């Protein structure tokens, strides 16, 4: 990600935009940043317009979900949860989960 510069303040929520009727995503390639070691972690920013959903999925890696803006509704292993701005949740590996935005929202997903 070429707009992240070591030693300079940046805002993840400004790196992806909510687009009408769509889900936008942006993968952050941290190894492209000078001085950053390579890692198996994958960082992806998402911006979801109101009423957009990501259907039920599972992953072999655990995920950390952190809401940057708005409110994200999730189902994790059949349990409903609402994450407001600043809230986070860990989705264990191989666990079914889904996402829904009743209003526009932005979130960071880190696969660990």
N, C-alpha and C. Protein backbone atom coordinates (compact mmCIF):
# COMPACT_ATOMS: atom_id res chain seq x y z
N UNK A 1 0.86 -1.17 0.00
CA UNK A 1 0.00 0.00 0.00
C UNK A 1 0.89 1.22 0.00
N UNK A 2 0.88 1.95 -1.06
CA UNK A 2 1.86 3.00 -1.25
C UNK A 2 1.57 4.29 -0.49
N UNK A 3 0.41 4.42 0.18
CA UNK A 3 0.15 5.65 0.91
C UNK A 3 0.40 5.49 2.41
N UNK A 4 0.96 4.35 2.83
CA UNK A 4 1.40 4.17 4.21
C UNK A 4 2.92 4.34 4.22
N UNK A 5 3.36 5.31 4.99
CA UNK A 5 4.78 5.62 5.07
C UNK A 5 5.22 5.43 6.52
N UNK A 6 6.24 4.60 6.75
CA UNK A 6 6.71 4.41 8.13
C UNK A 6 7.02 5.75 8.80
N UNK A 7 6.56 5.89 10.04
CA UNK A 7 6.80 7.11 10.80
C UNK A 7 5.81 8.22 10.54
N UNK A 8 4.85 8.01 9.62
CA UNK A 8 3.84 9.02 9.30
C UNK A 8 2.45 8.50 9.70
N UNK A 9 1.66 9.35 10.32
CA UNK A 9 0.31 8.98 10.75
C UNK A 9 -0.58 8.73 9.54
N UNK A 10 -1.39 7.67 9.61
CA UNK A 10 -2.36 7.38 8.56
C UNK A 10 -3.64 6.86 9.21
N UNK A 11 -4.73 6.87 8.46
CA UNK A 11 -6.02 6.42 8.96
C UNK A 11 -6.54 5.33 8.04
N UNK A 12 -6.68 4.13 8.58
CA UNK A 12 -7.15 3.00 7.77
C UNK A 12 -8.52 3.28 7.17
N UNK A 13 -9.40 3.94 7.92
CA UNK A 13 -10.76 4.18 7.40
C UNK A 13 -10.76 5.06 6.16
N UNK A 14 -9.69 5.83 5.95
CA UNK A 14 -9.61 6.68 4.77
C UNK A 14 -9.04 5.96 3.55
N UNK A 15 -8.60 4.71 3.74
CA UNK A 15 -7.97 3.96 2.65
C UNK A 15 -8.97 3.16 1.81
N UNK A 16 -10.25 3.20 2.18
CA UNK A 16 -11.29 2.52 1.42
C UNK A 16 -12.57 3.35 1.52
N UNK A 17 -13.35 3.37 0.45
CA UNK A 17 -14.56 4.21 0.41
C UNK A 17 -15.81 3.38 0.22
N UNK A 18 -16.88 3.81 0.88
CA UNK A 18 -18.19 3.18 0.69
C UNK A 18 -18.71 3.62 -0.67
N UNK A 19 -19.14 2.64 -1.46
CA UNK A 19 -19.67 2.92 -2.80
C UNK A 19 -21.13 2.48 -2.85
N UNK A 20 -22.01 3.30 -3.43
CA UNK A 20 -23.43 2.97 -3.45
C UNK A 20 -23.72 1.58 -4.02
N UNK A 21 -24.45 0.78 -3.24
CA UNK A 21 -24.90 -0.53 -3.70
C UNK A 21 -23.79 -1.56 -3.87
N UNK A 22 -22.63 -1.33 -3.24
CA UNK A 22 -21.51 -2.24 -3.45
C UNK A 22 -20.75 -2.54 -2.17
N UNK A 23 -19.89 -3.53 -2.27
CA UNK A 23 -18.91 -3.83 -1.24
C UNK A 23 -17.55 -3.59 -1.88
N UNK A 24 -16.76 -2.74 -1.25
CA UNK A 24 -15.41 -2.47 -1.75
C UNK A 24 -14.42 -3.12 -0.80
N UNK A 25 -13.32 -3.59 -1.35
CA UNK A 25 -12.27 -4.14 -0.49
C UNK A 25 -10.91 -3.70 -1.01
N UNK A 26 -9.97 -3.67 -0.10
CA UNK A 26 -8.61 -3.28 -0.46
C UNK A 26 -7.65 -4.08 0.42
N UNK A 27 -6.83 -4.87 -0.22
CA UNK A 27 -5.83 -5.67 0.48
C UNK A 27 -4.63 -4.79 0.77
N UNK A 28 -4.18 -4.81 2.02
CA UNK A 28 -3.00 -4.05 2.40
C UNK A 28 -1.79 -4.97 2.30
N UNK A 29 -0.85 -4.62 1.46
CA UNK A 29 0.35 -5.42 1.28
C UNK A 29 1.44 -4.76 2.12
N UNK A 30 1.55 -5.20 3.37
CA UNK A 30 2.47 -4.56 4.29
C UNK A 30 3.93 -4.82 3.93
N UNK A 31 4.19 -5.92 3.23
CA UNK A 31 5.58 -6.22 2.85
C UNK A 31 6.10 -5.22 1.82
N UNK A 32 5.22 -4.46 1.18
CA UNK A 32 5.64 -3.42 0.24
C UNK A 32 6.18 -2.17 0.94
N UNK A 33 5.97 -2.11 2.27
CA UNK A 33 6.42 -0.95 3.03
C UNK A 33 7.88 -1.18 3.44
N UNK A 34 8.76 -0.23 3.11
CA UNK A 34 10.18 -0.39 3.46
C UNK A 34 10.36 -0.67 4.96
N UNK A 35 11.16 -1.68 5.26
CA UNK A 35 11.46 -2.01 6.65
C UNK A 35 10.47 -2.95 7.31
N UNK A 36 9.39 -3.31 6.61
CA UNK A 36 8.39 -4.22 7.19
C UNK A 36 8.77 -5.66 6.85
N UNK A 37 8.80 -6.54 7.85
CA UNK A 37 9.10 -7.94 7.57
C UNK A 37 7.91 -8.61 6.88
N UNK A 38 8.18 -9.70 6.19
CA UNK A 38 7.08 -10.45 5.57
C UNK A 38 6.32 -11.19 6.66
N UNK A 39 5.06 -11.47 6.41
CA UNK A 39 4.20 -12.11 7.40
C UNK A 39 3.15 -12.96 6.70
N UNK A 40 2.64 -13.96 7.39
CA UNK A 40 1.55 -14.77 6.85
C UNK A 40 0.20 -14.11 7.07
N UNK A 41 0.18 -13.00 7.81
CA UNK A 41 -1.07 -12.30 8.04
C UNK A 41 -1.54 -11.63 6.75
N UNK A 42 -2.86 -11.61 6.59
CA UNK A 42 -3.44 -10.88 5.46
C UNK A 42 -4.36 -9.81 6.04
N UNK A 43 -4.15 -8.56 5.64
CA UNK A 43 -4.95 -7.44 6.09
C UNK A 43 -5.81 -6.97 4.92
N UNK A 44 -7.13 -6.91 5.13
CA UNK A 44 -8.04 -6.46 4.08
C UNK A 44 -9.02 -5.45 4.68
N UNK A 45 -9.13 -4.31 4.04
CA UNK A 45 -10.11 -3.30 4.42
C UNK A 45 -11.37 -3.52 3.60
N UNK A 46 -12.53 -3.38 4.24
CA UNK A 46 -13.81 -3.50 3.56
C UNK A 46 -14.64 -2.25 3.80
N UNK A 47 -15.40 -1.86 2.80
CA UNK A 47 -16.40 -0.80 2.93
C UNK A 47 -17.69 -1.36 2.35
N UNK A 48 -18.73 -1.40 3.17
CA UNK A 48 -20.02 -1.97 2.74
C UNK A 48 -21.08 -0.90 2.79
N UNK A 49 -21.79 -0.74 1.70
CA UNK A 49 -22.92 0.18 1.67
C UNK A 49 -24.06 -0.42 2.49
N UNK A 50 -25.01 0.41 2.83
CA UNK A 50 -26.16 -0.08 3.61
C UNK A 50 -26.87 -1.23 2.89
N UNK A 51 -27.30 -2.20 3.66
CA UNK A 51 -28.04 -3.37 3.20
C UNK A 51 -27.19 -4.39 2.44
N UNK A 52 -25.88 -4.17 2.35
CA UNK A 52 -25.02 -5.15 1.69
C UNK A 52 -24.66 -6.27 2.67
N UNK A 53 -24.42 -7.45 2.13
CA UNK A 53 -24.08 -8.61 2.96
C UNK A 53 -22.95 -9.41 2.32
N UNK A 54 -22.24 -10.13 3.14
CA UNK A 54 -21.29 -11.14 2.69
C UNK A 54 -21.80 -12.45 3.25
N UNK A 55 -22.13 -13.38 2.36
CA UNK A 55 -22.78 -14.62 2.78
C UNK A 55 -21.86 -15.47 3.64
N UNK A 56 -22.45 -16.45 4.27
CA UNK A 56 -21.76 -17.32 5.21
C UNK A 56 -20.54 -17.97 4.58
N UNK A 57 -19.43 -17.90 5.32
CA UNK A 57 -18.17 -18.45 4.83
C UNK A 57 -17.37 -18.98 6.02
N UNK A 58 -16.35 -19.74 5.72
CA UNK A 58 -15.43 -20.21 6.73
C UNK A 58 -14.01 -20.07 6.18
N UNK A 59 -13.03 -20.09 7.06
CA UNK A 59 -11.64 -19.90 6.64
C UNK A 59 -10.74 -20.80 7.49
N UNK A 60 -9.67 -21.32 6.89
CA UNK A 60 -8.75 -22.13 7.68
C UNK A 60 -7.93 -21.30 8.68
N UNK A 61 -7.97 -19.97 8.54
CA UNK A 61 -7.26 -19.09 9.46
C UNK A 61 -8.25 -18.37 10.36
N UNK A 62 -7.83 -18.06 11.59
CA UNK A 62 -8.63 -17.20 12.46
C UNK A 62 -8.61 -15.79 11.88
N UNK A 63 -9.63 -15.00 12.21
CA UNK A 63 -9.71 -13.63 11.72
C UNK A 63 -10.00 -12.69 12.88
N UNK A 64 -9.36 -11.54 12.84
CA UNK A 64 -9.70 -10.45 13.74
C UNK A 64 -10.48 -9.45 12.89
N UNK A 65 -11.67 -9.09 13.34
CA UNK A 65 -12.51 -8.11 12.66
C UNK A 65 -12.56 -6.87 13.55
N UNK A 66 -12.23 -5.70 12.99
CA UNK A 66 -12.27 -4.45 13.75
C UNK A 66 -13.04 -3.42 12.94
N UNK A 67 -14.10 -2.87 13.54
CA UNK A 67 -14.94 -1.89 12.86
C UNK A 67 -14.30 -0.50 12.96
N UNK A 68 -14.07 0.10 11.80
CA UNK A 68 -13.44 1.41 11.72
C UNK A 68 -14.47 2.54 11.69
N UNK A 69 -15.66 2.24 11.15
CA UNK A 69 -16.69 3.27 10.98
C UNK A 69 -18.03 2.58 10.83
N UNK A 70 -19.06 3.13 11.44
CA UNK A 70 -20.40 2.58 11.29
C UNK A 70 -20.66 1.41 12.22
N UNK A 71 -21.52 0.51 11.77
CA UNK A 71 -21.91 -0.65 12.58
C UNK A 71 -22.00 -1.87 11.68
N UNK A 72 -21.39 -2.96 12.13
CA UNK A 72 -21.37 -4.21 11.39
C UNK A 72 -22.14 -5.27 12.16
N UNK A 73 -23.04 -5.94 11.49
CA UNK A 73 -23.79 -7.03 12.10
C UNK A 73 -23.17 -8.33 11.60
N UNK A 74 -22.93 -9.26 12.54
CA UNK A 74 -22.31 -10.52 12.17
C UNK A 74 -23.06 -11.69 12.81
N UNK A 75 -22.93 -12.82 12.15
CA UNK A 75 -23.29 -14.11 12.72
C UNK A 75 -21.97 -14.86 12.82
N UNK A 76 -21.63 -15.34 14.00
CA UNK A 76 -20.41 -16.12 14.19
C UNK A 76 -20.81 -17.40 14.91
N UNK A 77 -20.65 -18.51 14.21
CA UNK A 77 -21.03 -19.83 14.75
C UNK A 77 -22.48 -19.80 15.24
N UNK A 78 -23.35 -19.14 14.46
CA UNK A 78 -24.77 -19.10 14.79
C UNK A 78 -25.16 -18.05 15.81
N UNK A 79 -24.21 -17.32 16.37
CA UNK A 79 -24.49 -16.29 17.35
C UNK A 79 -24.50 -14.91 16.69
N UNK A 80 -25.54 -14.12 16.94
CA UNK A 80 -25.61 -12.76 16.41
C UNK A 80 -24.79 -11.81 17.27
N UNK A 81 -24.11 -10.89 16.61
CA UNK A 81 -23.41 -9.84 17.35
C UNK A 81 -23.41 -8.56 16.52
N UNK A 82 -23.40 -7.46 17.21
CA UNK A 82 -23.35 -6.15 16.56
C UNK A 82 -22.08 -5.47 17.01
N UNK A 83 -21.31 -5.02 16.05
CA UNK A 83 -20.06 -4.35 16.35
C UNK A 83 -20.17 -2.89 15.92
N UNK A 84 -20.09 -1.99 16.88
CA UNK A 84 -20.11 -0.56 16.61
C UNK A 84 -18.68 -0.09 16.33
N UNK A 85 -18.54 1.15 15.90
CA UNK A 85 -17.22 1.72 15.65
C UNK A 85 -16.31 1.47 16.85
N UNK A 86 -15.12 0.93 16.56
CA UNK A 86 -14.14 0.66 17.60
C UNK A 86 -14.21 -0.74 18.18
N UNK A 87 -15.27 -1.48 17.88
CA UNK A 87 -15.43 -2.84 18.42
C UNK A 87 -14.69 -3.86 17.55
N UNK A 88 -14.28 -4.95 18.18
CA UNK A 88 -13.57 -6.02 17.48
C UNK A 88 -14.09 -7.37 17.94
N UNK A 89 -13.85 -8.38 17.11
CA UNK A 89 -14.19 -9.75 17.46
C UNK A 89 -13.18 -10.68 16.78
N UNK A 90 -12.91 -11.79 17.41
CA UNK A 90 -12.07 -12.82 16.80
C UNK A 90 -12.97 -13.94 16.32
N UNK A 91 -12.83 -14.31 15.07
CA UNK A 91 -13.56 -15.44 14.49
C UNK A 91 -12.56 -16.61 14.43
N UNK A 92 -12.80 -17.67 15.21
CA UNK A 92 -11.86 -18.79 15.19
C UNK A 92 -11.77 -19.44 13.81
N UNK A 93 -10.65 -20.09 13.54
CA UNK A 93 -10.47 -20.81 12.28
C UNK A 93 -11.59 -21.82 12.10
N UNK A 94 -11.97 -22.05 10.86
CA UNK A 94 -12.98 -23.05 10.48
C UNK A 94 -14.35 -22.80 11.13
N UNK A 95 -14.67 -21.55 11.38
CA UNK A 95 -15.96 -21.18 11.98
C UNK A 95 -16.80 -20.43 10.96
N UNK A 96 -18.04 -20.85 10.78
CA UNK A 96 -18.94 -20.16 9.84
C UNK A 96 -19.25 -18.78 10.37
N UNK A 97 -19.21 -17.80 9.48
CA UNK A 97 -19.51 -16.42 9.85
C UNK A 97 -20.03 -15.67 8.63
N UNK A 98 -20.82 -14.63 8.88
CA UNK A 98 -21.35 -13.80 7.81
C UNK A 98 -21.44 -12.36 8.28
N UNK A 99 -21.53 -11.45 7.31
CA UNK A 99 -21.49 -10.01 7.59
C UNK A 99 -22.72 -9.33 6.98
N UNK A 100 -23.22 -8.30 7.65
CA UNK A 100 -24.32 -7.49 7.12
C UNK A 100 -24.15 -6.05 7.60
N UNK A 101 -24.42 -5.10 6.70
CA UNK A 101 -24.35 -3.68 7.03
C UNK A 101 -25.75 -3.10 6.88
N UNK A 102 -26.39 -2.77 7.99
CA UNK A 102 -27.70 -2.13 7.90
C UNK A 102 -27.54 -0.67 7.51
N UNK A 103 -26.42 -0.09 7.90
CA UNK A 103 -25.99 1.25 7.46
C UNK A 103 -24.60 1.05 6.89
N UNK A 104 -24.08 2.04 6.18
CA UNK A 104 -22.74 1.92 5.64
C UNK A 104 -21.72 1.70 6.75
N UNK A 105 -20.71 0.87 6.48
CA UNK A 105 -19.66 0.64 7.48
C UNK A 105 -18.34 0.31 6.80
N UNK A 106 -17.28 0.46 7.57
CA UNK A 106 -15.93 0.10 7.12
C UNK A 106 -15.32 -0.77 8.22
N UNK A 107 -14.60 -1.82 7.80
CA UNK A 107 -13.94 -2.66 8.80
C UNK A 107 -12.64 -3.23 8.25
N UNK A 108 -11.79 -3.62 9.18
CA UNK A 108 -10.52 -4.25 8.87
C UNK A 108 -10.63 -5.72 9.25
N UNK A 109 -10.19 -6.59 8.34
CA UNK A 109 -10.14 -8.03 8.62
C UNK A 109 -8.68 -8.47 8.55
N UNK A 110 -8.18 -9.04 9.64
CA UNK A 110 -6.81 -9.53 9.68
C UNK A 110 -6.89 -11.05 9.83
N UNK A 111 -6.40 -11.78 8.85
CA UNK A 111 -6.33 -13.24 8.93
C UNK A 111 -5.01 -13.59 9.62
N UNK A 112 -5.13 -14.37 10.70
CA UNK A 112 -3.92 -14.69 11.49
C UNK A 112 -3.70 -16.19 11.58
